[in-house]
């Protein structure tokens, strides 16, 4: 039976694992597309899939299937929130994250709840609401502790370090980084959940470099030098399947060199960052280039710095 909106009416229909797996496979494919090309490459497809996925929740199924279905639909909303964030649509992102959290709670999935709080925290951090981000990361840690998931804890600790760095709290940032490393080591050998599998050694290195880059901006440029090797390692570790993450990390490396007055290297690395950002369907990535232009403007009298600023400005036009 088809409803007035053209969708099949599945109320009361039998729902089985094959239906759930269809959603899980779709989320995996769309998440990979997001990592590689940016949220704009898949957000419309995600939004188109959501109504049918939600309709399945009205079907008839065993309790075990319902729990897994709630998790799958929650993760689809989680991905919808993340891609909306990447497209600079924070209100739509927060609506999707809220629905994702409701379903993750219904499923009793603490690990997924931790991931959703992490992603909401990243959105808050991006838009400068640092205290709100700290609250989300703390809630995420509570959920991760309930899930006994060391990888989730490591992700959250690394992001708490970034929040501390934004608040110019050097001791807090370095302490959280130390904890993130320890939790990451403790997670070795465990199978990561699909929503947290991105966080391997390369992403940990990128976060270490990011925290030092942030401290270089708000405390002292010397902190940036401590992050150069981590950023370099991360850039080398990212393959074409993680183009956006590589782009964001290259931006930080160029920024650190610009802050330190190493404008030749900053210009060379910055060209790479700008080219990749231009190819991605990710306004968030282009927004992050502002850190590079802010660093370059400290040397406004230098033609190399002006060239960096002009290149970023050209991308924004």
C-alpha atoms as a PDB file:
ATOM      1  CA  UNK A   1       0.000   0.000   0.000  1.00  0.00           C
ATOM      2  CA  UNK A   2       1.315   3.437  -0.973  1.00  0.00           C
ATOM      3  CA  UNK A   3       0.617   6.609   0.988  1.00  0.00           C
ATOM      4  CA  UNK A   4      -0.270  10.043  -0.391  1.00  0.00           C
ATOM      5  CA  UNK A   5       3.401  11.025  -0.310  1.00  0.00           C
ATOM      6  CA  UNK A   6       4.344   8.156  -2.606  1.00  0.00           C
ATOM      7  CA  UNK A   7       6.052   6.066   0.071  1.00  0.00           C
ATOM      8  CA  UNK A   8       5.113   2.510   0.822  1.00  0.00           C
ATOM      9  CA  UNK A   9       2.986   2.259   3.981  1.00  0.00           C
ATOM     10  CA  UNK A  10       4.857  -0.235   6.168  1.00  0.00           C
ATOM     11  CA  UNK A  11       2.800   0.217   9.329  1.00  0.00           C
ATOM     12  CA  UNK A  12       2.236  -3.259  10.692  1.00  0.00           C
ATOM     13  CA  UNK A  13       4.466  -4.819   8.013  1.00  0.00           C
ATOM     14  CA  UNK A  14       7.051  -7.348   9.097  1.00  0.00           C
ATOM     15  CA  UNK A  15      10.539  -5.870   9.406  1.00  0.00           C
ATOM     16  CA  UNK A  16      13.577  -8.141   9.520  1.00  0.00           C
ATOM     17  CA  UNK A  17      17.353  -7.938   9.672  1.00  0.00           C
ATOM     18  CA  UNK A  18      17.595  -7.660   5.899  1.00  0.00           C
ATOM     19  CA  UNK A  19      15.794  -4.305   6.137  1.00  0.00           C
ATOM     20  CA  UNK A  20      18.146  -3.118   8.861  1.00  0.00           C
ATOM     21  CA  UNK A  21      21.240  -4.221   6.951  1.00  0.00           C
ATOM     22  CA  UNK A  22      20.040  -2.212   3.954  1.00  0.00           C
ATOM     23  CA  UNK A  23      20.158   0.943   6.081  1.00  0.00           C
ATOM     24  CA  UNK A  24      23.526   0.013   7.601  1.00  0.00           C
ATOM     25  CA  UNK A  25      25.065  -0.571   4.165  1.00  0.00           C
ATOM     26  CA  UNK A  26      23.654   2.710   2.885  1.00  0.00           C
ATOM     27  CA  UNK A  27      25.068   4.614   5.866  1.00  0.00           C
ATOM     28  CA  UNK A  28      28.501   3.038   5.334  1.00  0.00           C
ATOM     29  CA  UNK A  29      28.512   4.009   1.653  1.00  0.00           C
ATOM     30  CA  UNK A  30      27.286   7.547   2.313  1.00  0.00           C
ATOM     31  CA  UNK A  31      29.725   8.067   5.175  1.00  0.00           C
ATOM     32  CA  UNK A  32      32.589   7.065   2.868  1.00  0.00           C
ATOM     33  CA  UNK A  33      31.354   9.536   0.250  1.00  0.00           C
ATOM     34  CA  UNK A  34      31.192  12.276   2.888  1.00  0.00           C
ATOM     35  CA  UNK A  35      34.785  11.644   4.005  1.00  0.00           C
ATOM     36  CA  UNK A  36      36.038  11.710   0.436  1.00  0.00           C
ATOM     37  CA  UNK A  37      34.039  14.493  -1.205  1.00  0.00           C
ATOM     38  CA  UNK A  38      32.389  16.496   1.592  1.00  0.00           C
ATOM     39  CA  UNK A  39      28.875  16.704   2.976  1.00  0.00           C
ATOM     40  CA  UNK A  40      27.488  18.379  -0.123  1.00  0.00           C
ATOM     41  CA  UNK A  41      28.173  15.227  -2.106  1.00  0.00           C
ATOM     42  CA  UNK A  42      25.685  13.123  -0.168  1.00  0.00           C
ATOM     43  CA  UNK A  43      23.394  15.214   2.045  1.00  0.00           C
ATOM     44  CA  UNK A  44      20.470  15.164  -0.416  1.00  0.00           C
ATOM     45  CA  UNK A  45      20.699  11.373  -0.725  1.00  0.00           C
ATOM     46  CA  UNK A  46      20.747  11.014   3.063  1.00  0.00           C
ATOM     47  CA  UNK A  47      17.706  13.236   3.486  1.00  0.00           C
ATOM     48  CA  UNK A  48      15.879  11.307   0.764  1.00  0.00           C
ATOM     49  CA  UNK A  49      16.545   8.007   2.548  1.00  0.00           C
ATOM     50  CA  UNK A  50      15.448   9.146   5.992  1.00  0.00           C
ATOM     51  CA  UNK A  51      11.626   9.012   5.583  1.00  0.00           C
ATOM     52  CA  UNK A  52      11.599   5.376   4.445  1.00  0.00           C
ATOM     53  CA  UNK A  53      14.031   4.402   7.180  1.00  0.00           C
ATOM     54  CA  UNK A  54      11.872   6.105   9.809  1.00  0.00           C
ATOM     55  CA  UNK A  55       8.753   4.388   8.430  1.00  0.00           C
ATOM     56  CA  UNK A  56      10.299   0.999   9.227  1.00  0.00           C
ATOM     57  CA  UNK A  57      10.104   1.864  12.912  1.00  0.00           C
ATOM     58  CA  UNK A  58       6.310   1.512  12.627  1.00  0.00           C
ATOM     59  CA  UNK A  59       6.601  -2.060  11.400  1.00  0.00           C
ATOM     60  CA  UNK A  60       6.292  -5.310  13.338  1.00  0.00           C
ATOM     61  CA  UNK A  61       9.547  -6.937  14.439  1.00  0.00           C
ATOM     62  CA  UNK A  62      11.335  -8.809  17.176  1.00  0.00           C
ATOM     63  CA  UNK A  63      12.793  -6.730  20.033  1.00  0.00           C
ATOM     64  CA  UNK A  64      16.342  -7.507  18.916  1.00  0.00           C
ATOM     65  CA  UNK A  65      15.567  -6.251  15.416  1.00  0.00           C
ATOM     66  CA  UNK A  66      13.934  -3.093  16.799  1.00  0.00           C
ATOM     67  CA  UNK A  67      17.035  -2.312  18.858  1.00  0.00           C
ATOM     68  CA  UNK A  68      19.310  -2.705  15.851  1.00  0.00           C
ATOM     69  CA  UNK A  69      16.908  -0.733  13.639  1.00  0.00           C
ATOM     70  CA  UNK A  70      16.836   2.152  16.130  1.00  0.00           C
ATOM     71  CA  UNK A  71      20.641   2.183  16.079  1.00  0.00           C
ATOM     72  CA  UNK A  72      20.762   2.138  12.266  1.00  0.00           C
ATOM     73  CA  UNK A  73      18.226   4.949  11.865  1.00  0.00           C
ATOM     74  CA  UNK A  74      19.935   6.912  14.658  1.00  0.00           C
ATOM     75  CA  UNK A  75      23.231   6.644  12.812  1.00  0.00           C
ATOM     76  CA  UNK A  76      21.582   7.767   9.575  1.00  0.00           C
ATOM     77  CA  UNK A  77      20.340  10.871  11.431  1.00  0.00           C
ATOM     78  CA  UNK A  78      23.815  11.206  12.955  1.00  0.00           C
ATOM     79  CA  UNK A  79      25.295  11.288   9.459  1.00  0.00           C
ATOM     80  CA  UNK A  80      22.593  13.715   8.315  1.00  0.00           C
ATOM     81  CA  UNK A  81      23.614  16.028  11.147  1.00  0.00           C
ATOM     82  CA  UNK A  82      27.297  15.773  10.276  1.00  0.00           C
ATOM     83  CA  UNK A  83      26.798  16.491   6.571  1.00  0.00           C
ATOM     84  CA  UNK A  84      24.496  19.416   7.358  1.00  0.00           C
ATOM     85  CA  UNK A  85      27.210  20.782   9.635  1.00  0.00           C
ATOM     86  CA  UNK A  86      29.741  20.344   6.829  1.00  0.00           C
ATOM     87  CA  UNK A  87      27.423  22.342   4.559  1.00  0.00           C
ATOM     88  CA  UNK A  88      27.215  25.193   7.107  1.00  0.00           C
ATOM     89  CA  UNK A  89      23.598  24.436   8.065  1.00  0.00           C
ATOM     90  CA  UNK A  90      23.904  24.320  11.852  1.00  0.00           C
ATOM     91  CA  UNK A  91      20.183  24.451  12.664  1.00  0.00           C
ATOM     92  CA  UNK A  92      19.402  21.494  10.390  1.00  0.00           C
ATOM     93  CA  UNK A  93      22.403  19.682  11.852  1.00  0.00           C
ATOM     94  CA  UNK A  94      21.242  20.167  15.431  1.00  0.00           C
ATOM     95  CA  UNK A  95      17.729  18.956  14.571  1.00  0.00           C
ATOM     96  CA  UNK A  96      19.158  15.784  13.042  1.00  0.00           C
ATOM     97  CA  UNK A  97      21.513  15.207  15.970  1.00  0.00           C
ATOM     98  CA  UNK A  98      18.624  15.611  18.426  1.00  0.00           C
ATOM     99  CA  UNK A  99      16.613  12.948  16.608  1.00  0.00           C
ATOM    100  CA  UNK A 100      19.680  10.714  16.413  1.00  0.00           C
ATOM    101  CA  UNK A 101      20.157  10.998  20.152  1.00  0.00           C
ATOM    102  CA  UNK A 102      16.522  10.121  20.881  1.00  0.00           C
ATOM    103  CA  UNK A 103      16.801   6.928  18.844  1.00  0.00           C
ATOM    104  CA  UNK A 104      20.197   6.007  20.272  1.00  0.00           C
ATOM    105  CA  UNK A 105      18.717   6.334  23.770  1.00  0.00           C
ATOM    106  CA  UNK A 106      15.761   4.185  22.714  1.00  0.00           C
ATOM    107  CA  UNK A 107      18.203   1.574  21.431  1.00  0.00           C
ATOM    108  CA  UNK A 108      20.196   1.739  24.662  1.00  0.00           C
ATOM    109  CA  UNK A 109      23.324   2.372  22.587  1.00  0.00           C
ATOM    110  CA  UNK A 110      25.680   4.347  24.824  1.00  0.00           C
ATOM    111  CA  UNK A 111      28.545   4.176  22.331  1.00  0.00           C
ATOM    112  CA  UNK A 112      26.467   5.874  19.629  1.00  0.00           C
ATOM    113  CA  UNK A 113      25.219   8.435  22.149  1.00  0.00           C
ATOM    114  CA  UNK A 114      28.835   9.287  22.933  1.00  0.00           C
ATOM    115  CA  UNK A 115      29.542   9.775  19.227  1.00  0.00           C
ATOM    116  CA  UNK A 116      26.530  12.045  18.740  1.00  0.00           C
ATOM    117  CA  UNK A 117      27.590  14.232  21.669  1.00  0.00           C
ATOM    118  CA  UNK A 118      31.089  14.394  20.170  1.00  0.00           C
ATOM    119  CA  UNK A 119      29.705  15.587  16.838  1.00  0.00           C
ATOM    120  CA  UNK A 120      27.423  18.190  18.440  1.00  0.00           C
ATOM    121  CA  UNK A 121      30.459  19.366  20.403  1.00  0.00           C
ATOM    122  CA  UNK A 122      32.456  19.734  17.205  1.00  0.00           C
ATOM    123  CA  UNK A 123      29.695  21.852  15.713  1.00  0.00           C
ATOM    124  CA  UNK A 124      29.631  24.073  18.821  1.00  0.00           C
ATOM    125  CA  UNK A 125      33.411  24.385  18.721  1.00  0.00           C
ATOM    126  CA  UNK A 126      33.403  25.369  15.039  1.00  0.00           C
ATOM    127  CA  UNK A 127      30.969  28.215  15.669  1.00  0.00           C
ATOM    128  CA  UNK A 128      32.839  29.490  18.730  1.00  0.00           C
ATOM    129  CA  UNK A 129      30.510  28.217  21.474  1.00  0.00           C
ATOM    130  CA  UNK A 130      33.370  26.655  23.420  1.00  0.00           C
ATOM    131  CA  UNK A 131      31.565  26.222  26.755  1.00  0.00           C
ATOM    132  CA  UNK A 132      28.648  24.495  25.022  1.00  0.00           C
ATOM    133  CA  UNK A 133      31.156  22.229  23.264  1.00  0.00           C
ATOM    134  CA  UNK A 134      32.777  21.338  26.586  1.00  0.00           C
ATOM    135  CA  UNK A 135      29.363  20.356  27.941  1.00  0.00           C
ATOM    136  CA  UNK A 136      28.731  18.073  24.972  1.00  0.00           C
ATOM    137  CA  UNK A 137      32.141  16.432  25.239  1.00  0.00           C
ATOM    138  CA  UNK A 138      31.548  15.823  28.957  1.00  0.00           C
ATOM    139  CA  UNK A 139      28.178  14.217  28.238  1.00  0.00           C
ATOM    140  CA  UNK A 140      29.841  12.139  25.584  1.00  0.00           C
ATOM    141  CA  UNK A 141      32.424  10.890  28.060  1.00  0.00           C
ATOM    142  CA  UNK A 142      29.660   9.867  30.447  1.00  0.00           C
ATOM    143  CA  UNK A 143      28.045   7.800  27.696  1.00  0.00           C
ATOM    144  CA  UNK A 144      31.393   6.338  26.610  1.00  0.00           C
ATOM    145  CA  UNK A 145      32.141   5.257  30.171  1.00  0.00           C
ATOM    146  CA  UNK A 146      28.783   3.477  30.318  1.00  0.00           C
ATOM    147  CA  UNK A 147      29.650   1.799  27.006  1.00  0.00           C
ATOM    148  CA  UNK A 148      33.131   0.809  28.273  1.00  0.00           C
ATOM    149  CA  UNK A 149      34.466   2.137  24.955  1.00  0.00           C
ATOM    150  CA  UNK A 150      38.065   3.347  25.150  1.00  0.00           C
ATOM    151  CA  UNK A 151      38.098   4.559  21.542  1.00  0.00           C
ATOM    152  CA  UNK A 152      35.093   6.802  22.152  1.00  0.00           C
ATOM    153  CA  UNK A 153      36.812   8.120  25.276  1.00  0.00           C
ATOM    154  CA  UNK A 154      39.963   8.851  23.273  1.00  0.00           C
ATOM    155  CA  UNK A 155      37.991  10.775  20.633  1.00  0.00           C
ATOM    156  CA  UNK A 156      36.313  12.845  23.328  1.00  0.00           C
ATOM    157  CA  UNK A 157      39.527  13.483  25.260  1.00  0.00           C
ATOM    158  CA  UNK A 158      41.263  14.706  22.101  1.00  0.00           C
ATOM    159  CA  UNK A 159      38.394  17.098  21.430  1.00  0.00           C
ATOM    160  CA  UNK A 160      38.322  18.247  25.045  1.00  0.00           C
ATOM    161  CA  UNK A 161      41.987  19.096  24.520  1.00  0.00           C
ATOM    162  CA  UNK A 162      41.033  21.247  21.538  1.00  0.00           C
ATOM    163  CA  UNK A 163      38.379  23.035  23.599  1.00  0.00           C
ATOM    164  CA  UNK A 164      40.936  23.692  26.356  1.00  0.00           C
ATOM    165  CA  UNK A 165      43.351  25.055  23.770  1.00  0.00           C
ATOM    166  CA  UNK A 166      40.683  27.462  22.483  1.00  0.00           C
ATOM    167  CA  UNK A 167      40.325  28.701  26.074  1.00  0.00           C
ATOM    168  CA  UNK A 168      44.126  29.171  26.282  1.00  0.00           C
ATOM    169  CA  UNK A 169      44.323  26.458  28.950  1.00  0.00           C
ATOM    170  CA  UNK A 170      47.704  24.937  28.104  1.00  0.00           C
ATOM    171  CA  UNK A 171      47.866  22.559  31.067  1.00  0.00           C
ATOM    172  CA  UNK A 172      44.319  21.331  30.461  1.00  0.00           C
ATOM    173  CA  UNK A 173      44.938  20.812  26.737  1.00  0.00           C
ATOM    174  CA  UNK A 174      48.134  18.827  27.257  1.00  0.00           C
ATOM    175  CA  UNK A 175      46.555  16.774  30.045  1.00  0.00           C
ATOM    176  CA  UNK A 176      43.604  15.840  27.822  1.00  0.00           C
ATOM    177  CA  UNK A 177      45.978  14.930  24.993  1.00  0.00           C
ATOM    178  CA  UNK A 178      47.925  12.656  27.331  1.00  0.00           C
ATOM    179  CA  UNK A 179      44.692  10.974  28.357  1.00  0.00           C
ATOM    180  CA  UNK A 180      43.599  10.627  24.723  1.00  0.00           C
ATOM    181  CA  UNK A 181      46.828   8.814  23.874  1.00  0.00           C
ATOM    182  CA  UNK A 182      46.450   6.445  26.826  1.00  0.00           C
ATOM    183  CA  UNK A 183      42.825   5.673  25.973  1.00  0.00           C
ATOM    184  CA  UNK A 184      43.712   5.139  22.331  1.00  0.00           C
ATOM    185  CA  UNK A 185      46.431   2.654  23.304  1.00  0.00           C
ATOM    186  CA  UNK A 186      43.962   0.850  25.579  1.00  0.00           C
ATOM    187  CA  UNK A 187      41.513   0.548  22.658  1.00  0.00           C
ATOM    188  CA  UNK A 188      43.997  -1.296  20.430  1.00  0.00           C
ATOM    189  CA  UNK A 189      42.735  -4.686  19.369  1.00  0.00           C
ATOM    190  CA  UNK A 190      39.057  -3.813  19.801  1.00  0.00           C
ATOM    191  CA  UNK A 191      36.639  -3.624  16.868  1.00  0.00           C
ATOM    192  CA  UNK A 192      35.543  -0.001  16.382  1.00  0.00           C
ATOM    193  CA  UNK A 193      31.926   0.909  15.763  1.00  0.00           C
ATOM    194  CA  UNK A 194      31.246   2.192  12.230  1.00  0.00           C
ATOM    195  CA  UNK A 195      30.657   5.754  13.442  1.00  0.00           C
ATOM    196  CA  UNK A 196      34.005   5.848  15.292  1.00  0.00           C
ATOM    197  CA  UNK A 197      36.174   3.780  12.915  1.00  0.00           C
ATOM    198  CA  UNK A 198      37.627   6.942  11.340  1.00  0.00           C
ATOM    199  CA  UNK A 199      39.664   7.585  14.496  1.00  0.00           C
ATOM    200  CA  UNK A 200      42.872   5.661  13.902  1.00  0.00           C
ATOM    201  CA  UNK A 201      46.525   6.638  14.484  1.00  0.00           C
ATOM    202  CA  UNK A 202      46.353   9.167  11.648  1.00  0.00           C
ATOM    203  CA  UNK A 203      43.377  11.033  13.072  1.00  0.00           C
ATOM    204  CA  UNK A 204      44.888  10.997  16.555  1.00  0.00           C
ATOM    205  CA  UNK A 205      48.036  12.577  15.108  1.00  0.00           C
ATOM    206  CA  UNK A 206      45.893  15.175  13.334  1.00  0.00           C
ATOM    207  CA  UNK A 207      44.176  16.053  16.610  1.00  0.00           C
ATOM    208  CA  UNK A 208      47.508  16.357  18.425  1.00  0.00           C
ATOM    209  CA  UNK A 209      48.708  18.750  15.726  1.00  0.00           C
ATOM    210  CA  UNK A 210      45.407  20.639  15.799  1.00  0.00           C
ATOM    211  CA  UNK A 211      45.625  21.232  19.543  1.00  0.00           C
ATOM    212  CA  UNK A 212      49.181  22.530  19.259  1.00  0.00           C
ATOM    213  CA  UNK A 213      48.126  24.692  16.307  1.00  0.00           C
ATOM    214  CA  UNK A 214      45.284  26.178  18.340  1.00  0.00           C
ATOM    215  CA  UNK A 215      47.647  26.909  21.230  1.00  0.00           C
ATOM    216  CA  UNK A 216      49.987  28.600  18.750  1.00  0.00           C
ATOM    217  CA  UNK A 217      47.125  30.912  17.758  1.00  0.00           C
ATOM    218  CA  UNK A 218      45.854  31.874  21.187  1.00  0.00           C
ATOM    219  CA  UNK A 219      48.858  31.444  23.520  1.00  0.00           C
ATOM    220  CA  UNK A 220      52.298  31.419  21.858  1.00  0.00           C
ATOM    221  CA  UNK A 221      53.466  30.576  18.344  1.00  0.00           C
ATOM    222  CA  UNK A 222      56.090  28.252  19.817  1.00  0.00           C
ATOM    223  CA  UNK A 223      53.383  25.693  20.616  1.00  0.00           C
ATOM    224  CA  UNK A 224      52.858  25.231  16.895  1.00  0.00           C
ATOM    225  CA  UNK A 225      56.357  23.852  16.428  1.00  0.00           C
ATOM    226  CA  UNK A 226      55.488  21.004  18.786  1.00  0.00           C
ATOM    227  CA  UNK A 227      52.651  19.997  16.469  1.00  0.00           C
ATOM    228  CA  UNK A 228      54.435  20.100  13.111  1.00  0.00           C
ATOM    229  CA  UNK A 229      55.585  16.473  13.147  1.00  0.00           C
ATOM    230  CA  UNK A 230      52.147  15.206  14.168  1.00  0.00           C
ATOM    231  CA  UNK A 231      50.488  17.217  11.389  1.00  0.00           C
ATOM    232  CA  UNK A 232      53.057  16.019   8.851  1.00  0.00           C
ATOM    233  CA  UNK A 233      52.530  12.400   9.898  1.00  0.00           C
ATOM    234  CA  UNK A 234      48.761  12.768   9.651  1.00  0.00           C
ATOM    235  CA  UNK A 235      48.921  14.293   6.176  1.00  0.00           C
ATOM    236  CA  UNK A 236      51.105  11.402   5.020  1.00  0.00           C
ATOM    237  CA  UNK A 237      48.714   8.904   6.590  1.00  0.00           C
ATOM    238  CA  UNK A 238      45.496  10.144   5.009  1.00  0.00           C
ATOM    239  CA  UNK A 239      44.591   8.450   1.752  1.00  0.00           C
ATOM    240  CA  UNK A 240      42.178   9.631  -0.950  1.00  0.00           C
ATOM    241  CA  UNK A 241      39.306   8.105   1.030  1.00  0.00           C
ATOM    242  CA  UNK A 242      39.819  10.784   3.709  1.00  0.00           C
ATOM    243  CA  UNK A 243      40.287  13.839   1.505  1.00  0.00           C
ATOM    244  CA  UNK A 244      38.443  16.274   3.773  1.00  0.00           C
ATOM    245  CA  UNK A 245      40.390  15.252   6.872  1.00  0.00           C
ATOM    246  CA  UNK A 246      43.633  15.618   4.953  1.00  0.00           C
ATOM    247  CA  UNK A 247      42.576  19.059   3.732  1.00  0.00           C
ATOM    248  CA  UNK A 248      41.740  20.266   7.246  1.00  0.00           C
ATOM    249  CA  UNK A 249      45.097  18.999   8.496  1.00  0.00           C
ATOM    250  CA  UNK A 250      47.026  20.664   5.661  1.00  0.00           C
ATOM    251  CA  UNK A 251      45.301  23.932   6.582  1.00  0.00           C
ATOM    252  CA  UNK A 252      46.596  23.585  10.129  1.00  0.00           C
ATOM    253  CA  UNK A 253      50.149  22.853   8.952  1.00  0.00           C
ATOM    254  CA  UNK A 254      50.140  25.926   6.708  1.00  0.00           C
ATOM    255  CA  UNK A 255      48.704  27.981   9.575  1.00  0.00           C
ATOM    256  CA  UNK A 256      51.381  26.864  12.022  1.00  0.00           C
ATOM    257  CA  UNK A 257      54.151  27.791   9.582  1.00  0.00           C
ATOM    258  CA  UNK A 258      52.505  31.154   8.873  1.00  0.00           C
ATOM    259  CA  UNK A 259      52.189  31.921  12.582  1.00  0.00           C
ATOM    260  CA  UNK A 260      55.889  31.198  12.997  1.00  0.00           C
ATOM    261  CA  UNK A 261      56.761  33.532  10.125  1.00  0.00           C
ATOM    262  CA  UNK A 262      57.906  30.700   7.855  1.00  0.00           C
ATOM    263  CA  UNK A 263      56.003  32.177   4.935  1.00  0.00           C
ATOM    264  CA  UNK A 264      57.741  30.275   2.130  1.00  0.00           C
ATOM    265  CA  UNK A 265      56.627  26.932   3.553  1.00  0.00           C
ATOM    266  CA  UNK A 266      53.245  28.358   4.572  1.00  0.00           C
ATOM    267  CA  UNK A 267      52.680  29.499   0.990  1.00  0.00           C
ATOM    268  CA  UNK A 268      53.676  26.164  -0.490  1.00  0.00           C
ATOM    269  CA  UNK A 269      51.574  24.125   1.934  1.00  0.00           C
ATOM    270  CA  UNK A 270      48.765  26.666   1.726  1.00  0.00           C
ATOM    271  CA  UNK A 271      48.488  26.241  -2.045  1.00  0.00           C
ATOM    272  CA  UNK A 272      47.854  22.536  -1.514  1.00  0.00           C
ATOM    273  CA  UNK A 273      45.271  23.290   1.189  1.00  0.00           C
ATOM    274  CA  UNK A 274      43.421  25.793  -0.988  1.00  0.00           C
ATOM    275  CA  UNK A 275      43.364  23.504  -4.054  1.00  0.00           C
ATOM    276  CA  UNK A 276      41.920  20.586  -2.099  1.00  0.00           C
ATOM    277  CA  UNK A 277      39.398  22.794  -0.274  1.00  0.00           C
ATOM    278  CA  UNK A 278      38.231  24.168  -3.625  1.00  0.00           C
ATOM    279  CA  UNK A 279      37.514  20.656  -4.913  1.00  0.00           C
ATOM    280  CA  UNK A 280      35.544  19.552  -1.842  1.00  0.00           C
ATOM    281  CA  UNK A 281      31.822  20.126  -1.415  1.00  0.00           C
ATOM    282  CA  UNK A 282      32.476  21.295   2.123  1.00  0.00           C
ATOM    283  CA  UNK A 283      31.886  24.931   3.121  1.00  0.00           C
ATOM    284  CA  UNK A 284      33.184  24.023   6.603  1.00  0.00           C
ATOM    285  CA  UNK A 285      36.605  23.247   5.129  1.00  0.00           C
ATOM    286  CA  UNK A 286      36.723  26.571   3.297  1.00  0.00           C
ATOM    287  CA  UNK A 287      35.689  28.344   6.500  1.00  0.00           C
ATOM    288  CA  UNK A 288      38.640  26.761   8.284  1.00  0.00           C
ATOM    289  CA  UNK A 289      40.957  28.536   5.844  1.00  0.00           C
ATOM    290  CA  UNK A 290      40.217  31.635   7.921  1.00  0.00           C
ATOM    291  CA  UNK A 291      42.798  30.414  10.435  1.00  0.00           C
ATOM    292  CA  UNK A 292      45.409  30.542   7.677  1.00  0.00           C
ATOM    293  CA  UNK A 293      44.460  34.021   6.509  1.00  0.00           C
ATOM    294  CA  UNK A 294      44.420  35.308  10.100  1.00  0.00           C
ATOM    295  CA  UNK A 295      47.934  33.949  10.595  1.00  0.00           C
ATOM    296  CA  UNK A 296      49.147  35.428   7.306  1.00  0.00           C
ATOM    297  CA  UNK A 297      47.681  38.846   8.097  1.00  0.00           C
ATOM    298  CA  UNK A 298      50.080  39.119  11.018  1.00  0.00           C
ATOM    299  CA  UNK A 299      52.696  39.747   8.331  1.00  0.00           C
ATOM    300  CA  UNK A 300      50.624  42.010   6.105  1.00  0.00           C
ATOM    301  CA  UNK A 301      53.707  43.890   4.958  1.00  0.00           C
ATOM    302  CA  UNK A 302      55.172  40.753   3.385  1.00  0.00           C
ATOM    303  CA  UNK A 303      54.226  39.944  -0.212  1.00  0.00           C
ATOM    304  CA  UNK A 304      54.249  36.199   0.541  1.00  0.00           C
ATOM    305  CA  UNK A 305      51.646  36.697   3.258  1.00  0.00           C
ATOM    306  CA  UNK A 306      49.519  38.881   0.966  1.00  0.00           C
ATOM    307  CA  UNK A 307      49.619  36.147  -1.678  1.00  0.00           C
ATOM    308  CA  UNK A 308      48.236  33.601   0.824  1.00  0.00           C
ATOM    309  CA  UNK A 309      45.417  35.969   1.798  1.00  0.00           C
ATOM    310  CA  UNK A 310      44.621  36.728  -1.854  1.00  0.00           C
ATOM    311  CA  UNK A 311      44.461  33.030  -2.759  1.00  0.00           C
ATOM    312  CA  UNK A 312      41.990  32.312   0.047  1.00  0.00           C
ATOM    313  CA  UNK A 313      39.945  35.397  -0.836  1.00  0.00           C
ATOM    314  CA  UNK A 314      39.761  34.231  -4.469  1.00  0.00           C
ATOM    315  CA  UNK A 315      38.288  30.927  -3.294  1.00  0.00           C
ATOM    316  CA  UNK A 316      35.612  32.760  -1.305  1.00  0.00           C
ATOM    317  CA  UNK A 317      34.427  34.821  -4.279  1.00  0.00           C
END
